Amino acid sequence: MDKKRIVIFASGNGTNAENIIKYFQDSELAEVVLVLANSENAKVLERAKNLNVSTTTFTKAELFLPDGIIKKLISAQPDLIVLAGFLLKFPQNIITEFPHKIINIHPALLPKYGGKGMYGQKVHETVIANKELETGITIHYVNENYDEGAIIFQKTVPVLTSDTAESVAKKVHSLEYEWFPKVIEGLLKKEQ
């Protein structure tokens, strides 16, 4: 049986992408075949290359062109497209081409703290400012709106009165590293 093919989009450091690549390195089920980044300086490119995964960079314009990045995606034949710290809004033509095959992880419990501009440290600062008792991760399908696709999985962690945005970020990262690869694996197993 051919391995399932995972393509990752990332914008920055790439720790989640690296974690996913490593998780599937010895897997019979799937492998990461391509990492795409919208910045030539994204650390994720170096991480992927160090793990022998092909990489491609593109501009925001190329993401939205009808013959831009979508052509590369179609030739990569992904079974699942994973957004791991990818900050641009995903184009409708790619969503249409790969229905129910694009997922994202968000560092909060959607529908709270989602939408344009809500990413990274901003999310954790807002959680602290609003005195939330818990936060966590949401893994969801990608649709045409930021953070509004159908929810696949959520996991929570408590927010203590002593927590800072930095300590909340650490807790949320731990959840991401533990659960994102497992959820990806589960989705790909369902397809078999």
C-alpha atoms as a PDB file:
ATOM      1  CA  MET A   1       0.000   0.000   0.000  1.00  0.00           C
ATOM      2  CA  ASP A   2       1.307   3.451  -0.902  1.00  0.00           C
ATOM      3  CA  LYS A   3       1.980   5.796   1.975  1.00  0.00           C
ATOM      4  CA  LYS A   4      -0.386   8.706   2.469  1.00  0.00           C
ATOM      5  CA  ARG A   5       1.117  12.020   1.406  1.00  0.00           C
ATOM      6  CA  ILE A   6       1.176  15.030   3.736  1.00  0.00           C
ATOM      7  CA  VAL A   7       1.991  18.559   2.574  1.00  0.00           C
ATOM      8  CA  ILE A   8       2.687  21.232   5.214  1.00  0.00           C
ATOM      9  CA  PHE A   9       2.291  25.008   4.867  1.00  0.00           C
ATOM     10  CA  ALA A  10       4.169  27.121   7.426  1.00  0.00           C
ATOM     11  CA  SER A  11       5.198  30.751   7.819  1.00  0.00           C
ATOM     12  CA  GLY A  12       7.815  30.843  10.514  1.00  0.00           C
ATOM     13  CA  ASN A  13       9.858  28.842  12.969  1.00  0.00           C
ATOM     14  CA  GLY A  14       8.404  25.474  12.050  1.00  0.00           C
ATOM     15  CA  THR A  15       8.561  23.559  15.326  1.00  0.00           C
ATOM     16  CA  ASN A  16       5.138  21.998  14.699  1.00  0.00           C
ATOM     17  CA  ALA A  17       6.114  21.115  11.129  1.00  0.00           C
ATOM     18  CA  GLU A  18       9.358  19.543  12.359  1.00  0.00           C
ATOM     19  CA  ASN A  19       7.458  17.584  15.009  1.00  0.00           C
ATOM     20  CA  ILE A  20       5.019  16.246  12.386  1.00  0.00           C
ATOM     21  CA  ILE A  21       7.842  15.294   9.985  1.00  0.00           C
ATOM     22  CA  LYS A  22       9.642  13.405  12.755  1.00  0.00           C
ATOM     23  CA  TYR A  23       6.429  11.699  13.913  1.00  0.00           C
ATOM     24  CA  PHE A  24       5.859  10.200  10.457  1.00  0.00           C
ATOM     25  CA  GLN A  25       9.512   9.432   9.576  1.00  0.00           C
ATOM     26  CA  ASP A  26       9.216   5.733  10.410  1.00  0.00           C
ATOM     27  CA  SER A  27       5.484   5.449   9.745  1.00  0.00           C
ATOM     28  CA  GLU A  28       4.019   2.813   7.460  1.00  0.00           C
ATOM     29  CA  LEU A  29       0.932   5.005   7.078  1.00  0.00           C
ATOM     30  CA  ALA A  30       2.155   8.393   5.869  1.00  0.00           C
ATOM     31  CA  GLU A  31       5.044  10.737   5.173  1.00  0.00           C
ATOM     32  CA  VAL A  32       5.555  14.464   4.773  1.00  0.00           C
ATOM     33  CA  VAL A  33       6.460  14.955   1.108  1.00  0.00           C
ATOM     34  CA  LEU A  34       6.647  18.750   0.868  1.00  0.00           C
ATOM     35  CA  VAL A  35       6.901  21.848   3.068  1.00  0.00           C
ATOM     36  CA  LEU A  36       5.813  25.173   1.593  1.00  0.00           C
ATOM     37  CA  ALA A  37       6.628  28.546   3.153  1.00  0.00           C
ATOM     38  CA  ASN A  38       5.668  32.096   2.222  1.00  0.00           C
ATOM     39  CA  SER A  39       9.034  33.493   3.302  1.00  0.00           C
ATOM     40  CA  GLU A  40      12.514  32.572   2.140  1.00  0.00           C
ATOM     41  CA  ASN A  41      13.746  33.325   5.660  1.00  0.00           C
ATOM     42  CA  ALA A  42      11.312  30.990   7.424  1.00  0.00           C
ATOM     43  CA  LYS A  43      13.228  28.708   9.805  1.00  0.00           C
ATOM     44  CA  VAL A  44      10.857  25.884   8.841  1.00  0.00           C
ATOM     45  CA  LEU A  45      12.694  25.529   5.507  1.00  0.00           C
ATOM     46  CA  GLU A  46      15.962  24.701   7.256  1.00  0.00           C
ATOM     47  CA  ARG A  47      14.189  22.280   9.616  1.00  0.00           C
ATOM     48  CA  ALA A  48      12.542  20.443   6.702  1.00  0.00           C
ATOM     49  CA  LYS A  49      15.756  20.266   4.651  1.00  0.00           C
ATOM     50  CA  ASN A  50      17.611  18.847   7.665  1.00  0.00           C
ATOM     51  CA  LEU A  51      15.020  16.047   7.715  1.00  0.00           C
ATOM     52  CA  ASN A  52      15.277  15.446   3.931  1.00  0.00           C
ATOM     53  CA  VAL A  53      11.867  16.881   3.070  1.00  0.00           C
ATOM     54  CA  SER A  54      11.467  18.925  -0.132  1.00  0.00           C
ATOM     55  CA  THR A  55      10.682  22.610   0.319  1.00  0.00           C
ATOM     56  CA  THR A  56       9.259  25.389  -1.813  1.00  0.00           C
ATOM     57  CA  THR A  57       8.818  29.088  -1.152  1.00  0.00           C
ATOM     58  CA  PHE A  58       6.221  31.315  -2.735  1.00  0.00           C
ATOM     59  CA  THR A  59       4.924  34.858  -2.614  1.00  0.00           C
ATOM     60  CA  LYS A  60       1.498  35.881  -1.430  1.00  0.00           C
ATOM     61  CA  ALA A  61       0.606  36.593  -5.077  1.00  0.00           C
ATOM     62  CA  GLU A  62       1.647  33.082  -6.157  1.00  0.00           C
ATOM     63  CA  LEU A  63      -0.603  31.597  -3.486  1.00  0.00           C
ATOM     64  CA  PHE A  64      -3.638  33.199  -5.093  1.00  0.00           C
ATOM     65  CA  LEU A  65      -2.762  32.820  -8.785  1.00  0.00           C
ATOM     66  CA  PRO A  66      -4.846  30.201 -10.607  1.00  0.00           C
ATOM     67  CA  ASP A  67      -1.640  28.680 -12.024  1.00  0.00           C
ATOM     68  CA  GLY A  68       0.549  29.461  -8.997  1.00  0.00           C
ATOM     69  CA  ILE A  69       1.116  27.249  -5.980  1.00  0.00           C
ATOM     70  CA  ILE A  70      -1.978  25.162  -6.717  1.00  0.00           C
ATOM     71  CA  LYS A  71      -0.120  23.516  -9.636  1.00  0.00           C
ATOM     72  CA  LYS A  72       2.657  22.378  -7.282  1.00  0.00           C
ATOM     73  CA  LEU A  73       0.060  21.084  -4.861  1.00  0.00           C
ATOM     74  CA  ILE A  74      -1.775  19.084  -7.504  1.00  0.00           C
ATOM     75  CA  SER A  75       1.494  17.495  -8.652  1.00  0.00           C
ATOM     76  CA  ALA A  76       2.379  16.626  -5.011  1.00  0.00           C
ATOM     77  CA  GLN A  77      -0.918  14.667  -4.769  1.00  0.00           C
ATOM     78  CA  PRO A  78      -1.478  15.293  -1.063  1.00  0.00           C
ATOM     79  CA  ASP A  79      -3.865  13.152   0.945  1.00  0.00           C
ATOM     80  CA  LEU A  80      -3.811  15.881   3.580  1.00  0.00           C
ATOM     81  CA  ILE A  81      -2.667  19.516   3.599  1.00  0.00           C
ATOM     82  CA  VAL A  82      -1.630  20.706   7.048  1.00  0.00           C
ATOM     83  CA  LEU A  83      -1.325  24.372   8.027  1.00  0.00           C
ATOM     84  CA  ALA A  84       1.198  24.539  10.871  1.00  0.00           C
ATOM     85  CA  GLY A  85       1.725  28.163  11.831  1.00  0.00           C
ATOM     86  CA  PHE A  86       0.676  29.425   8.410  1.00  0.00           C
ATOM     87  CA  LEU A  87      -0.523  33.011   8.685  1.00  0.00           C
ATOM     88  CA  LEU A  88      -2.024  33.846   5.298  1.00  0.00           C
ATOM     89  CA  LYS A  89      -5.691  33.341   4.521  1.00  0.00           C
ATOM     90  CA  PHE A  90      -6.018  30.216   2.404  1.00  0.00           C
ATOM     91  CA  PRO A  91      -7.300  30.754  -1.156  1.00  0.00           C
ATOM     92  CA  GLN A  92     -10.696  29.482  -2.244  1.00  0.00           C
ATOM     93  CA  ASN A  93      -9.358  27.719  -5.361  1.00  0.00           C
ATOM     94  CA  ILE A  94      -7.135  25.446  -3.241  1.00  0.00           C
ATOM     95  CA  ILE A  95      -9.948  24.798  -0.738  1.00  0.00           C
ATOM     96  CA  THR A  96     -12.226  23.848  -3.668  1.00  0.00           C
ATOM     97  CA  GLU A  97      -9.556  21.606  -5.243  1.00  0.00           C
ATOM     98  CA  PHE A  98      -8.921  19.711  -1.983  1.00  0.00           C
ATOM     99  CA  PRO A  99     -12.272  19.511  -0.129  1.00  0.00           C
ATOM    100  CA  HIS A 100     -11.984  18.208   3.470  1.00  0.00           C
ATOM    101  CA  LYS A 101      -8.256  17.687   2.994  1.00  0.00           C
ATOM    102  CA  ILE A 102      -6.932  20.918   4.536  1.00  0.00           C
ATOM    103  CA  ILE A 103      -6.573  21.266   8.314  1.00  0.00           C
ATOM    104  CA  ASN A 104      -5.210  23.945  10.620  1.00  0.00           C
ATOM    105  CA  ILE A 105      -4.237  24.146  14.273  1.00  0.00           C
ATOM    106  CA  HIS A 106      -5.203  27.169  16.354  1.00  0.00           C
ATOM    107  CA  PRO A 107      -3.708  27.956  19.794  1.00  0.00           C
ATOM    108  CA  ALA A 108      -7.048  28.573  21.541  1.00  0.00           C
ATOM    109  CA  LEU A 109     -10.459  26.986  21.991  1.00  0.00           C
ATOM    110  CA  LEU A 110     -12.374  28.161  18.953  1.00  0.00           C
ATOM    111  CA  PRO A 111     -14.741  29.877  18.387  1.00  0.00           C
ATOM    112  CA  LYS A 112     -13.084  32.047  21.072  1.00  0.00           C
ATOM    113  CA  TYR A 113      -9.942  33.964  20.110  1.00  0.00           C
ATOM    114  CA  GLY A 114     -10.015  33.177  16.407  1.00  0.00           C
ATOM    115  CA  GLY A 115     -10.127  35.290  13.289  1.00  0.00           C
ATOM    116  CA  LYS A 116      -7.906  37.759  11.505  1.00  0.00           C
ATOM    117  CA  GLY A 117      -4.986  38.938  13.592  1.00  0.00           C
ATOM    118  CA  MET A 118      -5.473  36.312  16.300  1.00  0.00           C
ATOM    119  CA  TYR A 119      -2.314  34.212  16.180  1.00  0.00           C
ATOM    120  CA  GLY A 120       0.690  33.386  18.302  1.00  0.00           C
ATOM    121  CA  GLN A 121       1.367  35.460  21.385  1.00  0.00           C
ATOM    122  CA  LYS A 122      -1.626  37.765  20.711  1.00  0.00           C
ATOM    123  CA  VAL A 123      -3.972  34.854  21.441  1.00  0.00           C
ATOM    124  CA  HIS A 124      -2.305  34.006  24.768  1.00  0.00           C
ATOM    125  CA  GLU A 125      -2.156  37.663  25.850  1.00  0.00           C
ATOM    126  CA  THR A 126      -5.885  38.009  25.180  1.00  0.00           C
ATOM    127  CA  VAL A 127      -6.676  34.789  27.085  1.00  0.00           C
ATOM    128  CA  ILE A 128      -4.767  36.174  30.114  1.00  0.00           C
ATOM    129  CA  ALA A 129      -6.338  39.654  29.807  1.00  0.00           C
ATOM    130  CA  ASN A 130      -9.827  38.117  29.785  1.00  0.00           C
ATOM    131  CA  LYS A 131      -9.050  35.991  32.855  1.00  0.00           C
ATOM    132  CA  GLU A 132     -10.026  32.739  31.146  1.00  0.00           C
ATOM    133  CA  LEU A 133      -9.956  29.636  33.343  1.00  0.00           C
ATOM    134  CA  GLU A 134      -8.860  27.392  30.477  1.00  0.00           C
ATOM    135  CA  THR A 135      -7.432  27.510  26.999  1.00  0.00           C
ATOM    136  CA  GLY A 136      -6.062  24.909  24.631  1.00  0.00           C
ATOM    137  CA  ILE A 137      -5.843  23.896  20.999  1.00  0.00           C
ATOM    138  CA  THR A 138      -8.342  23.488  18.205  1.00  0.00           C
ATOM    139  CA  ILE A 139      -7.660  21.436  15.092  1.00  0.00           C
ATOM    140  CA  HIS A 140     -10.168  22.247  12.377  1.00  0.00           C
ATOM    141  CA  TYR A 141     -10.863  21.987   8.672  1.00  0.00           C
ATOM    142  CA  VAL A 142      -9.985  25.078   6.663  1.00  0.00           C
ATOM    143  CA  ASN A 143     -12.724  26.999   4.898  1.00  0.00           C
ATOM    144  CA  GLU A 144     -12.834  30.443   3.297  1.00  0.00           C
ATOM    145  CA  ASN A 145     -12.899  32.274   6.667  1.00  0.00           C
ATOM    146  CA  TYR A 146     -10.155  32.477   9.307  1.00  0.00           C
ATOM    147  CA  ASP A 147     -10.638  29.825  11.998  1.00  0.00           C
ATOM    148  CA  GLU A 148     -14.262  29.024  11.105  1.00  0.00           C
ATOM    149  CA  GLY A 149     -13.996  25.550   9.550  1.00  0.00           C
ATOM    150  CA  ALA A 150     -15.571  22.485  11.180  1.00  0.00           C
ATOM    151  CA  ILE A 151     -13.812  21.530  14.417  1.00  0.00           C
ATOM    152  CA  ILE A 152     -12.094  18.124  14.393  1.00  0.00           C
ATOM    153  CA  PHE A 153     -10.469  18.102  17.844  1.00  0.00           C
ATOM    154  CA  GLN A 154     -10.004  20.247  20.944  1.00  0.00           C
ATOM    155  CA  LYS A 155      -7.887  19.743  24.059  1.00  0.00           C
ATOM    156  CA  THR A 156      -7.822  22.042  27.071  1.00  0.00           C
ATOM    157  CA  VAL A 157      -5.325  23.156  29.715  1.00  0.00           C
ATOM    158  CA  PRO A 158      -6.101  25.197  32.821  1.00  0.00           C
ATOM    159  CA  VAL A 159      -5.087  28.851  33.003  1.00  0.00           C
ATOM    160  CA  LEU A 160      -3.899  29.652  36.510  1.00  0.00           C
ATOM    161  CA  THR A 161      -3.963  33.091  38.114  1.00  0.00           C
ATOM    162  CA  SER A 162      -0.154  32.882  38.210  1.00  0.00           C
ATOM    163  CA  ASP A 163       0.089  32.219  34.445  1.00  0.00           C
ATOM    164  CA  THR A 164       1.571  34.694  31.986  1.00  0.00           C
ATOM    165  CA  ALA A 165       1.119  34.759  28.222  1.00  0.00           C
ATOM    166  CA  GLU A 166       4.529  33.028  27.997  1.00  0.00           C
ATOM    167  CA  SER A 167       3.613  30.210  30.398  1.00  0.00           C
ATOM    168  CA  VAL A 168       0.276  29.702  28.632  1.00  0.00           C
ATOM    169  CA  ALA A 169       2.135  29.541  25.307  1.00  0.00           C
ATOM    170  CA  LYS A 170       4.349  26.743  26.694  1.00  0.00           C
ATOM    171  CA  LYS A 171       1.302  24.745  27.835  1.00  0.00           C
ATOM    172  CA  VAL A 172      -0.404  25.198  24.471  1.00  0.00           C
ATOM    173  CA  HIS A 173       2.765  24.223  22.558  1.00  0.00           C
ATOM    174  CA  SER A 174       2.945  21.000  24.591  1.00  0.00           C
ATOM    175  CA  LEU A 175      -0.608  20.168  23.528  1.00  0.00           C
ATOM    176  CA  GLU A 176       0.219  20.964  19.897  1.00  0.00           C
ATOM    177  CA  TYR A 177       3.285  18.712  19.870  1.00  0.00           C
ATOM    178  CA  GLU A 178       1.418  15.850  21.541  1.00  0.00           C
ATOM    179  CA  TRP A 179      -1.880  15.954  19.670  1.00  0.00           C
ATOM    180  CA  PHE A 180      -1.389  17.457  16.179  1.00  0.00           C
ATOM    181  CA  PRO A 181       0.485  14.421  14.745  1.00  0.00           C
ATOM    182  CA  LYS A 182      -1.955  11.989  16.412  1.00  0.00           C
ATOM    183  CA  VAL A 183      -4.984  13.783  14.955  1.00  0.00           C
ATOM    184  CA  ILE A 184      -3.353  13.828  11.500  1.00  0.00           C
ATOM    185  CA  GLU A 185      -2.676  10.094  11.837  1.00  0.00           C
ATOM    186  CA  GLY A 186      -6.287   9.464  12.852  1.00  0.00           C
ATOM    187  CA  LEU A 187      -7.661  11.375   9.876  1.00  0.00           C
ATOM    188  CA  LEU A 188      -5.404   9.482   7.456  1.00  0.00           C
ATOM    189  CA  LYS A 189      -6.344   6.116   8.975  1.00  0.00           C
ATOM    190  CA  LYS A 190     -10.023   6.913   8.436  1.00  0.00           C
ATOM    191  CA  GLU A 191      -9.292   7.360   4.710  1.00  0.00           C
ATOM    192  CA  GLN A 192      -7.777   3.902   4.264  1.00  0.00           C
END
